[in-house]
Every structure is written in C-alpha cells, then in structure tokens.
C-alpha cells in the first residue's frame, strides 16, 4: 500500500461535485413529474351497451377465431362430457 498523504478536494472540485449532484437530482425529479410520451390523458370508462352496440362498451361482442374440427376427431368418451353449458350464449 502506498503511503501517499490524504489530499482533500479542492474548492473547485467540491463545487463541481455539488453542481453535478444538484443537476442530477433536478433531472430525476423532472423525469418523474413529466414522464416521456406527453400528457397522460384521463381514461374514459366505457358505458353500457345499447341495443345494437357491439364495441366500445361493457358487454360488447368480440370476434373469436377457432380452428376447424379435424375430420378424424373422436367423440367424447361419455355423454356427460359432451353435455355442458353452451359456450358463448
């Protein structure tokens, strides 16, 4: 280990460290208060669906894509497995 004497920071170096700390703190606060991407808009809650409404409302219908049944698919092993509540109605 070297026996170099301790040299305290000069006043210019101390001022530079203090200035960097203040600029960093202000930058972090500004980023937290004003996030990138602009102003955050207030979310509009959807209303209940009317008689013919199908989108942008609670209870609206959505299209569903399902694969076609395979030609050689086997039937369920028990009739109880085949009789369940209808899906989507």
N, C-alpha and C. Protein backbone atom coordinates (compact mmCIF):
# COMPACT_ATOMS: atom_id res chain seq x y z
N UNK A 1 0.83 -1.16 0.00
CA UNK A 1 0.00 0.00 0.00
C UNK A 1 0.89 1.24 0.00
N UNK A 2 0.43 2.25 -0.69
CA UNK A 2 1.28 3.44 -0.76
C UNK A 2 1.06 4.33 0.46
N UNK A 3 2.06 5.09 0.79
CA UNK A 3 1.99 6.00 1.93
C UNK A 3 1.72 7.43 1.48
N UNK A 4 0.95 7.57 0.38
CA UNK A 4 0.65 8.91 -0.12
C UNK A 4 -0.27 9.62 0.87
N UNK A 5 0.01 10.85 1.17
CA UNK A 5 -0.82 11.58 2.13
C UNK A 5 -2.20 11.88 1.53
N UNK A 6 -3.18 11.98 2.42
CA UNK A 6 -4.55 12.30 2.00
C UNK A 6 -4.60 13.73 1.49
N UNK A 7 -5.17 13.90 0.32
CA UNK A 7 -5.32 15.24 -0.24
C UNK A 7 -6.80 15.56 -0.34
N UNK A 8 -7.29 16.48 0.44
CA UNK A 8 -8.72 16.81 0.38
C UNK A 8 -9.06 17.46 -0.97
N UNK A 9 -10.34 17.44 -1.29
CA UNK A 9 -10.79 18.02 -2.55
C UNK A 9 -10.59 19.53 -2.53
N UNK A 10 -10.24 20.04 -3.69
CA UNK A 10 -10.11 21.50 -3.79
C UNK A 10 -11.51 22.10 -3.83
N UNK A 11 -11.59 23.38 -3.61
CA UNK A 11 -12.91 24.03 -3.59
C UNK A 11 -13.57 23.97 -4.96
N UNK A 12 -12.81 24.04 -6.05
CA UNK A 12 -13.38 23.93 -7.39
C UNK A 12 -13.95 22.54 -7.62
N UNK A 13 -13.24 21.51 -7.19
CA UNK A 13 -13.69 20.13 -7.37
C UNK A 13 -14.94 19.88 -6.51
N UNK A 14 -14.94 20.39 -5.30
CA UNK A 14 -16.08 20.24 -4.40
C UNK A 14 -17.32 20.93 -5.00
N UNK A 15 -17.14 22.11 -5.60
CA UNK A 15 -18.24 22.82 -6.24
C UNK A 15 -18.76 22.04 -7.45
N UNK A 16 -17.86 21.42 -8.21
CA UNK A 16 -18.26 20.62 -9.36
C UNK A 16 -19.09 19.41 -8.92
N UNK A 17 -18.68 18.72 -7.88
CA UNK A 17 -19.42 17.57 -7.37
C UNK A 17 -20.80 18.01 -6.88
N UNK A 18 -20.87 19.12 -6.17
CA UNK A 18 -22.14 19.63 -5.67
C UNK A 18 -23.06 20.01 -6.83
N UNK A 19 -22.51 20.67 -7.86
CA UNK A 19 -23.30 21.07 -9.01
C UNK A 19 -23.83 19.84 -9.77
N UNK A 20 -23.01 18.82 -9.96
CA UNK A 20 -23.47 17.59 -10.61
C UNK A 20 -24.56 16.90 -9.81
N UNK A 21 -24.45 16.90 -8.49
CA UNK A 21 -25.47 16.28 -7.65
C UNK A 21 -26.80 17.02 -7.77
N UNK A 22 -26.76 18.35 -7.77
CA UNK A 22 -27.99 19.15 -7.87
C UNK A 22 -28.63 18.96 -9.24
N UNK A 23 -27.83 19.00 -10.30
CA UNK A 23 -28.37 18.82 -11.66
C UNK A 23 -28.98 17.43 -11.81
N UNK A 24 -28.34 16.40 -11.27
CA UNK A 24 -28.88 15.05 -11.34
C UNK A 24 -30.19 14.94 -10.58
N UNK A 25 -30.26 15.52 -9.38
CA UNK A 25 -31.49 15.47 -8.59
C UNK A 25 -32.63 16.20 -9.30
N UNK A 26 -32.36 17.36 -9.87
CA UNK A 26 -33.40 18.10 -10.60
C UNK A 26 -33.85 17.31 -11.82
N UNK A 27 -32.93 16.70 -12.52
CA UNK A 27 -33.28 15.88 -13.69
C UNK A 27 -34.16 14.71 -13.33
N UNK A 28 -33.84 14.02 -12.25
CA UNK A 28 -34.66 12.88 -11.82
C UNK A 28 -36.05 13.34 -11.43
N UNK A 29 -36.15 14.44 -10.71
CA UNK A 29 -37.46 14.96 -10.30
C UNK A 29 -38.29 15.37 -11.52
N UNK A 30 -37.68 16.03 -12.49
CA UNK A 30 -38.41 16.43 -13.68
C UNK A 30 -38.90 15.23 -14.48
N UNK A 31 -38.09 14.19 -14.57
CA UNK A 31 -38.50 12.99 -15.30
C UNK A 31 -39.66 12.31 -14.58
N UNK A 32 -39.63 12.28 -13.26
CA UNK A 32 -40.73 11.66 -12.51
C UNK A 32 -42.02 12.47 -12.62
N UNK A 33 -41.91 13.79 -12.65
CA UNK A 33 -43.11 14.62 -12.72
C UNK A 33 -43.67 14.73 -14.13
N UNK A 34 -42.84 14.65 -15.14
CA UNK A 34 -43.27 14.79 -16.53
C UNK A 34 -42.73 13.62 -17.33
N UNK A 35 -43.42 12.46 -17.32
CA UNK A 35 -42.89 11.28 -18.00
C UNK A 35 -42.85 11.47 -19.51
N UNK A 36 -41.95 10.78 -20.20
CA UNK A 36 -41.90 10.88 -21.66
C UNK A 36 -43.20 10.36 -22.27
N UNK A 37 -43.57 10.89 -23.40
CA UNK A 37 -44.79 10.44 -24.06
C UNK A 37 -45.91 11.44 -23.94
N UNK A 38 -45.64 12.60 -23.36
CA UNK A 38 -46.65 13.64 -23.31
C UNK A 38 -47.56 13.55 -22.11
N UNK A 39 -48.64 14.27 -22.20
CA UNK A 39 -49.60 14.37 -21.10
C UNK A 39 -50.39 13.07 -21.01
N UNK A 40 -50.53 12.57 -19.81
CA UNK A 40 -51.33 11.37 -19.59
C UNK A 40 -52.80 11.77 -19.57
N UNK A 41 -53.58 11.24 -20.46
CA UNK A 41 -54.99 11.58 -20.55
C UNK A 41 -55.79 10.80 -19.51
N UNK A 42 -56.88 11.39 -19.07
CA UNK A 42 -57.77 10.72 -18.13
C UNK A 42 -58.50 9.62 -18.90
N UNK A 43 -58.51 8.43 -18.34
CA UNK A 43 -59.15 7.31 -19.01
C UNK A 43 -60.66 7.45 -18.98
N UNK A 44 -61.29 7.25 -20.12
CA UNK A 44 -62.74 7.30 -20.22
C UNK A 44 -63.26 5.89 -20.00
N UNK A 45 -64.13 5.74 -19.02
CA UNK A 45 -64.69 4.43 -18.75
C UNK A 45 -65.80 4.15 -19.74
N UNK A 46 -65.82 2.94 -20.31
CA UNK A 46 -66.86 2.63 -21.31
C UNK A 46 -68.24 2.59 -20.67
N UNK A 47 -69.22 2.92 -21.48
CA UNK A 47 -70.61 2.90 -21.00
C UNK A 47 -71.22 1.53 -21.28
N UNK A 48 -72.40 1.32 -20.76
CA UNK A 48 -73.11 0.06 -21.01
C UNK A 48 -73.56 0.02 -22.47
N UNK A 49 -73.65 -1.18 -23.03
CA UNK A 49 -74.03 -1.33 -24.43
C UNK A 49 -75.51 -1.04 -24.64
N UNK A 50 -75.79 -0.39 -25.75
CA UNK A 50 -77.18 -0.17 -26.15
C UNK A 50 -77.70 -1.40 -26.88
N UNK A 51 -78.81 -1.24 -27.56
CA UNK A 51 -79.45 -2.38 -28.22
C UNK A 51 -78.60 -2.92 -29.37
N UNK A 52 -77.97 -2.05 -30.15
CA UNK A 52 -77.24 -2.54 -31.32
C UNK A 52 -75.74 -2.29 -31.22
N UNK A 53 -75.25 -1.82 -30.08
CA UNK A 53 -73.82 -1.55 -29.94
C UNK A 53 -73.04 -2.84 -29.79
N UNK A 54 -71.88 -2.91 -30.45
CA UNK A 54 -71.06 -4.11 -30.36
C UNK A 54 -69.62 -3.81 -29.96
N UNK A 55 -69.25 -2.54 -29.85
CA UNK A 55 -67.87 -2.23 -29.47
C UNK A 55 -67.83 -0.97 -28.63
N UNK A 56 -66.72 -0.76 -27.92
CA UNK A 56 -66.51 0.38 -27.03
C UNK A 56 -67.56 0.49 -25.94
N UNK A 57 -68.02 -0.63 -25.45
CA UNK A 57 -68.99 -0.61 -24.36
C UNK A 57 -68.85 -1.90 -23.55
N UNK A 58 -69.31 -1.84 -22.32
CA UNK A 58 -69.25 -3.02 -21.46
C UNK A 58 -70.30 -4.02 -21.94
N UNK A 59 -69.89 -5.25 -22.18
CA UNK A 59 -70.81 -6.27 -22.66
C UNK A 59 -70.83 -6.38 -24.17
N UNK A 60 -69.92 -5.68 -24.85
CA UNK A 60 -69.88 -5.74 -26.31
C UNK A 60 -69.43 -7.11 -26.80
N UNK A 61 -69.72 -7.40 -28.04
CA UNK A 61 -69.37 -8.69 -28.61
C UNK A 61 -67.99 -8.60 -29.25
N UNK A 62 -67.30 -9.71 -29.27
CA UNK A 62 -65.97 -9.76 -29.86
C UNK A 62 -65.89 -10.95 -30.80
N UNK A 63 -65.17 -10.79 -31.88
CA UNK A 63 -64.99 -11.91 -32.81
C UNK A 63 -63.98 -12.89 -32.22
N UNK A 64 -64.24 -14.16 -32.41
CA UNK A 64 -63.35 -15.20 -31.90
C UNK A 64 -62.98 -16.11 -33.05
N UNK A 65 -61.68 -16.36 -33.19
CA UNK A 65 -61.22 -17.29 -34.22
C UNK A 65 -60.92 -18.63 -33.55
N UNK A 66 -61.50 -19.69 -34.11
CA UNK A 66 -61.27 -21.03 -33.56
C UNK A 66 -60.88 -21.94 -34.72
N UNK A 67 -59.97 -22.88 -34.47
CA UNK A 67 -59.59 -23.80 -35.55
C UNK A 67 -60.76 -24.73 -35.90
N UNK A 68 -60.81 -25.15 -37.16
CA UNK A 68 -61.85 -26.07 -37.59
C UNK A 68 -61.61 -27.44 -36.96
N UNK A 69 -62.68 -28.18 -36.82
CA UNK A 69 -62.57 -29.51 -36.22
C UNK A 69 -61.86 -30.43 -37.20
N UNK A 70 -61.01 -31.29 -36.66
CA UNK A 70 -60.29 -32.23 -37.52
C UNK A 70 -61.27 -33.27 -38.05
N UNK A 71 -61.07 -33.75 -39.28
CA UNK A 71 -62.02 -34.71 -39.85
C UNK A 71 -62.07 -36.03 -39.09
N UNK A 72 -60.99 -36.50 -38.54
CA UNK A 72 -60.99 -37.79 -37.86
C UNK A 72 -61.04 -37.69 -36.36
N UNK A 73 -61.55 -36.59 -35.83
CA UNK A 73 -61.58 -36.39 -34.38
C UNK A 73 -62.58 -37.35 -33.74
N UNK A 74 -62.20 -37.91 -32.61
CA UNK A 74 -63.08 -38.86 -31.94
C UNK A 74 -64.08 -38.11 -31.07
N UNK A 75 -65.21 -38.74 -30.82
CA UNK A 75 -66.27 -38.16 -29.98
C UNK A 75 -65.87 -38.31 -28.52
N UNK A 76 -66.45 -37.53 -27.62
CA UNK A 76 -66.15 -37.68 -26.19
C UNK A 76 -66.52 -39.07 -25.70
N UNK A 77 -65.78 -39.55 -24.70
CA UNK A 77 -65.99 -40.92 -24.22
C UNK A 77 -67.29 -41.08 -23.45
N UNK A 78 -67.79 -40.01 -22.82
CA UNK A 78 -69.05 -40.15 -22.08
C UNK A 78 -70.02 -39.06 -22.52
N UNK A 79 -71.30 -39.33 -22.47
CA UNK A 79 -72.28 -38.32 -22.87
C UNK A 79 -72.27 -37.11 -21.93
N UNK A 80 -71.87 -37.31 -20.67
CA UNK A 80 -71.85 -36.19 -19.72
C UNK A 80 -70.79 -35.17 -20.11
N UNK A 81 -69.70 -35.63 -20.72
CA UNK A 81 -68.65 -34.72 -21.13
C UNK A 81 -69.10 -33.86 -22.31
N UNK A 82 -70.01 -34.40 -23.14
CA UNK A 82 -70.49 -33.67 -24.30
C UNK A 82 -71.59 -32.68 -23.94
N UNK A 83 -72.29 -32.91 -22.84
CA UNK A 83 -73.41 -32.03 -22.49
C UNK A 83 -72.98 -31.07 -21.40
N UNK A 84 -72.51 -29.95 -21.80
CA UNK A 84 -72.14 -28.89 -20.86
C UNK A 84 -72.90 -27.64 -21.23
N UNK A 85 -72.68 -26.61 -20.48
CA UNK A 85 -73.38 -25.37 -20.84
C UNK A 85 -72.88 -24.84 -22.17
N UNK A 86 -73.74 -24.28 -22.98
CA UNK A 86 -73.28 -23.75 -24.26
C UNK A 86 -72.30 -22.62 -24.06
N UNK A 87 -71.30 -22.59 -24.90
CA UNK A 87 -70.26 -21.57 -24.78
C UNK A 87 -70.62 -20.40 -25.67
N UNK A 88 -70.57 -19.21 -25.11
CA UNK A 88 -70.81 -18.01 -25.89
C UNK A 88 -72.26 -17.63 -26.02
N UNK A 89 -73.15 -18.27 -25.37
CA UNK A 89 -74.58 -17.91 -25.44
C UNK A 89 -75.11 -17.63 -24.09
